[in-house]
Amino acid sequence: MSKFVNKTSLSIVLAEEYGMKKKDAIKIINRIFDEMSEALEENGQVDITGFGKFVIFDRKSRKGINPVSKEAMEIPASKLPKFKPSTTLKAKCNKDRFIED
């Protein structure tokens, strides 16, 4: 079965591994994600060595179709966070592909 990770599961691992309260671990995790969000909000980037990089991608305005009325419409430009995995993470995700017999 594949592993599922969220803030709660991360807090449990931190609490067990470092002997802290789950409540304190959640505070630390929330602070980390807040800092990452603030950096991206300010058009910065988040670079986590061995994991990957989060950057802001400028999406241009484009034409679309309203699914209800089927009328053409203009979809405004927007900014989106984009994730670029590191080569280390790519290698970990593909380690089973290069097993020799």
C-alpha atoms as a PDB file:
ATOM      1  CA  MET A   1       0.000   0.000   0.000  1.00  0.00           C
ATOM      2  CA  SER A   2       1.267   3.470  -0.793  1.00  0.00           C
ATOM      3  CA  LYS A   3       2.140   5.843   2.007  1.00  0.00           C
ATOM      4  CA  PHE A   4      -0.072   8.855   2.713  1.00  0.00           C
ATOM      5  CA  VAL A   5       1.458  11.987   4.252  1.00  0.00           C
ATOM      6  CA  ASN A   6      -0.369  15.013   5.662  1.00  0.00           C
ATOM      7  CA  LYS A   7       0.229  17.451   8.521  1.00  0.00           C
ATOM      8  CA  THR A   8      -1.208  15.046  11.094  1.00  0.00           C
ATOM      9  CA  SER A   9       0.994  12.138  10.006  1.00  0.00           C
ATOM     10  CA  LEU A  10       4.047  14.419   9.936  1.00  0.00           C
ATOM     11  CA  SER A  11       3.276  15.648  13.461  1.00  0.00           C
ATOM     12  CA  ILE A  12       3.040  12.071  14.742  1.00  0.00           C
ATOM     13  CA  VAL A  13       6.441  11.201  13.243  1.00  0.00           C
ATOM     14  CA  LEU A  14       8.047  14.359  14.675  1.00  0.00           C
ATOM     15  CA  ALA A  15       6.506  13.821  18.103  1.00  0.00           C
ATOM     16  CA  GLU A  16       7.684  10.204  18.285  1.00  0.00           C
ATOM     17  CA  GLU A  17      11.139  10.772  16.828  1.00  0.00           C
ATOM     18  CA  TYR A  18      12.026  13.885  18.837  1.00  0.00           C
ATOM     19  CA  GLY A  19      10.072  13.250  22.043  1.00  0.00           C
ATOM     20  CA  MET A  20       7.815  16.270  21.773  1.00  0.00           C
ATOM     21  CA  LYS A  21       4.108  16.811  22.131  1.00  0.00           C
ATOM     22  CA  LYS A  22       2.030  16.377  18.986  1.00  0.00           C
ATOM     23  CA  LYS A  23       0.643  19.887  19.553  1.00  0.00           C
ATOM     24  CA  ASP A  24       4.183  21.352  19.453  1.00  0.00           C
ATOM     25  CA  ALA A  25       5.036  19.350  16.339  1.00  0.00           C
ATOM     26  CA  ILE A  26       1.944  20.731  14.566  1.00  0.00           C
ATOM     27  CA  LYS A  27       3.047  24.284  15.489  1.00  0.00           C
ATOM     28  CA  ILE A  28       6.459  23.654  13.910  1.00  0.00           C
ATOM     29  CA  ILE A  29       4.950  22.159  10.753  1.00  0.00           C
ATOM     30  CA  ASN A  30       2.477  25.037  10.412  1.00  0.00           C
ATOM     31  CA  ARG A  31       5.310  27.561  10.812  1.00  0.00           C
ATOM     32  CA  ILE A  32       7.322  25.859   8.070  1.00  0.00           C
ATOM     33  CA  PHE A  33       4.383  25.910   5.652  1.00  0.00           C
ATOM     34  CA  ASP A  34       3.540  29.506   6.587  1.00  0.00           C
ATOM     35  CA  GLU A  35       7.099  30.570   5.774  1.00  0.00           C
ATOM     36  CA  MET A  36       6.973  28.732   2.445  1.00  0.00           C
ATOM     37  CA  SER A  37       3.605  30.300   1.583  1.00  0.00           C
ATOM     38  CA  GLU A  38       4.834  33.789   2.464  1.00  0.00           C
ATOM     39  CA  ALA A  39       7.874  33.388   0.204  1.00  0.00           C
ATOM     40  CA  LEU A  40       5.712  32.293  -2.729  1.00  0.00           C
ATOM     41  CA  GLU A  41       3.179  35.031  -2.021  1.00  0.00           C
ATOM     42  CA  GLU A  42       5.995  37.573  -2.457  1.00  0.00           C
ATOM     43  CA  ASN A  43       7.020  36.009  -5.816  1.00  0.00           C
ATOM     44  CA  GLY A  44       9.965  34.309  -4.149  1.00  0.00           C
ATOM     45  CA  GLN A  45      10.876  30.680  -4.359  1.00  0.00           C
ATOM     46  CA  VAL A  46      11.231  27.775  -1.955  1.00  0.00           C
ATOM     47  CA  ASP A  47      14.249  25.554  -2.593  1.00  0.00           C
ATOM     48  CA  ILE A  48      14.557  22.407  -0.484  1.00  0.00           C
ATOM     49  CA  THR A  49      17.809  20.625  -1.278  1.00  0.00           C
ATOM     50  CA  GLY A  50      17.275  16.983  -2.189  1.00  0.00           C
ATOM     51  CA  PHE A  51      13.512  17.458  -2.584  1.00  0.00           C
ATOM     52  CA  GLY A  52      12.732  20.206  -5.076  1.00  0.00           C
ATOM     53  CA  LYS A  53      11.867  23.804  -5.751  1.00  0.00           C
ATOM     54  CA  PHE A  54       8.571  25.696  -5.622  1.00  0.00           C
ATOM     55  CA  VAL A  55       8.363  28.715  -7.928  1.00  0.00           C
ATOM     56  CA  ILE A  56       5.614  31.079  -9.073  1.00  0.00           C
ATOM     57  CA  PHE A  57       4.470  30.547 -12.658  1.00  0.00           C
ATOM     58  CA  ASP A  58       2.735  33.410 -14.498  1.00  0.00           C
ATOM     59  CA  ARG A  59      -0.172  31.975 -16.454  1.00  0.00           C
ATOM     60  CA  LYS A  60      -1.233  34.191 -19.365  1.00  0.00           C
ATOM     61  CA  SER A  61      -4.850  35.119 -19.975  1.00  0.00           C
ATOM     62  CA  ARG A  62      -6.557  32.791 -22.413  1.00  0.00           C
ATOM     63  CA  LYS A  63      -9.847  32.115 -24.125  1.00  0.00           C
ATOM     64  CA  GLY A  64     -12.173  29.525 -22.695  1.00  0.00           C
ATOM     65  CA  ILE A  65     -15.768  28.348 -22.889  1.00  0.00           C
ATOM     66  CA  ASN A  66     -18.320  28.724 -20.118  1.00  0.00           C
ATOM     67  CA  PRO A  67     -19.468  25.115 -19.534  1.00  0.00           C
ATOM     68  CA  VAL A  68     -23.005  26.205 -18.594  1.00  0.00           C
ATOM     69  CA  SER A  69     -23.804  28.747 -21.316  1.00  0.00           C
ATOM     70  CA  LYS A  70     -21.272  27.463 -23.911  1.00  0.00           C
ATOM     71  CA  GLU A  71     -20.284  31.092 -24.558  1.00  0.00           C
ATOM     72  CA  ALA A  72     -16.699  32.122 -25.242  1.00  0.00           C
ATOM     73  CA  MET A  73     -15.064  33.968 -22.373  1.00  0.00           C
ATOM     74  CA  GLU A  74     -11.720  35.428 -21.392  1.00  0.00           C
ATOM     75  CA  ILE A  75      -9.962  33.647 -18.519  1.00  0.00           C
ATOM     76  CA  PRO A  76      -7.805  36.236 -16.726  1.00  0.00           C
ATOM     77  CA  ALA A  77      -4.075  35.857 -16.145  1.00  0.00           C
ATOM     78  CA  SER A  78      -3.087  34.317 -12.817  1.00  0.00           C
ATOM     79  CA  LYS A  79      -0.093  33.221 -10.788  1.00  0.00           C
ATOM     80  CA  LEU A  80       0.312  29.586  -9.803  1.00  0.00           C
ATOM     81  CA  PRO A  81       2.822  27.778  -7.615  1.00  0.00           C
ATOM     82  CA  LYS A  82       4.748  25.173  -9.573  1.00  0.00           C
ATOM     83  CA  PHE A  83       6.899  22.337  -8.226  1.00  0.00           C
ATOM     84  CA  LYS A  84      10.120  21.180  -9.865  1.00  0.00           C
ATOM     85  CA  PRO A  85      11.480  17.979  -8.287  1.00  0.00           C
ATOM     86  CA  SER A  86      15.202  17.675  -7.638  1.00  0.00           C
ATOM     87  CA  THR A  87      17.261  15.067  -9.445  1.00  0.00           C
ATOM     88  CA  THR A  88      17.659  13.287  -6.084  1.00  0.00           C
ATOM     89  CA  LEU A  89      13.873  12.982  -5.674  1.00  0.00           C
ATOM     90  CA  LYS A  90      13.470  11.882  -9.308  1.00  0.00           C
ATOM     91  CA  ALA A  91      16.068   9.154  -8.763  1.00  0.00           C
ATOM     92  CA  LYS A  92      14.332   7.943  -5.584  1.00  0.00           C
ATOM     93  CA  CYS A  93      10.985   7.779  -7.376  1.00  0.00           C
ATOM     94  CA  ASN A  94      12.496   5.793 -10.259  1.00  0.00           C
ATOM     95  CA  LYS A  95      14.897   3.482  -8.408  1.00  0.00           C
ATOM     96  CA  ASP A  96      12.804   0.396  -9.278  1.00  0.00           C
ATOM     97  CA  ARG A  97      13.087   1.118 -13.003  1.00  0.00           C
ATOM     98  CA  PHE A  98      16.822   0.515 -13.194  1.00  0.00           C
ATOM     99  CA  ILE A  99      17.178  -2.840 -11.443  1.00  0.00           C
ATOM    100  CA  GLU A 100      19.345  -5.198 -13.486  1.00  0.00           C
ATOM    101  CA  ASP A 101      18.754  -8.962 -13.573  1.00  0.00           C
END
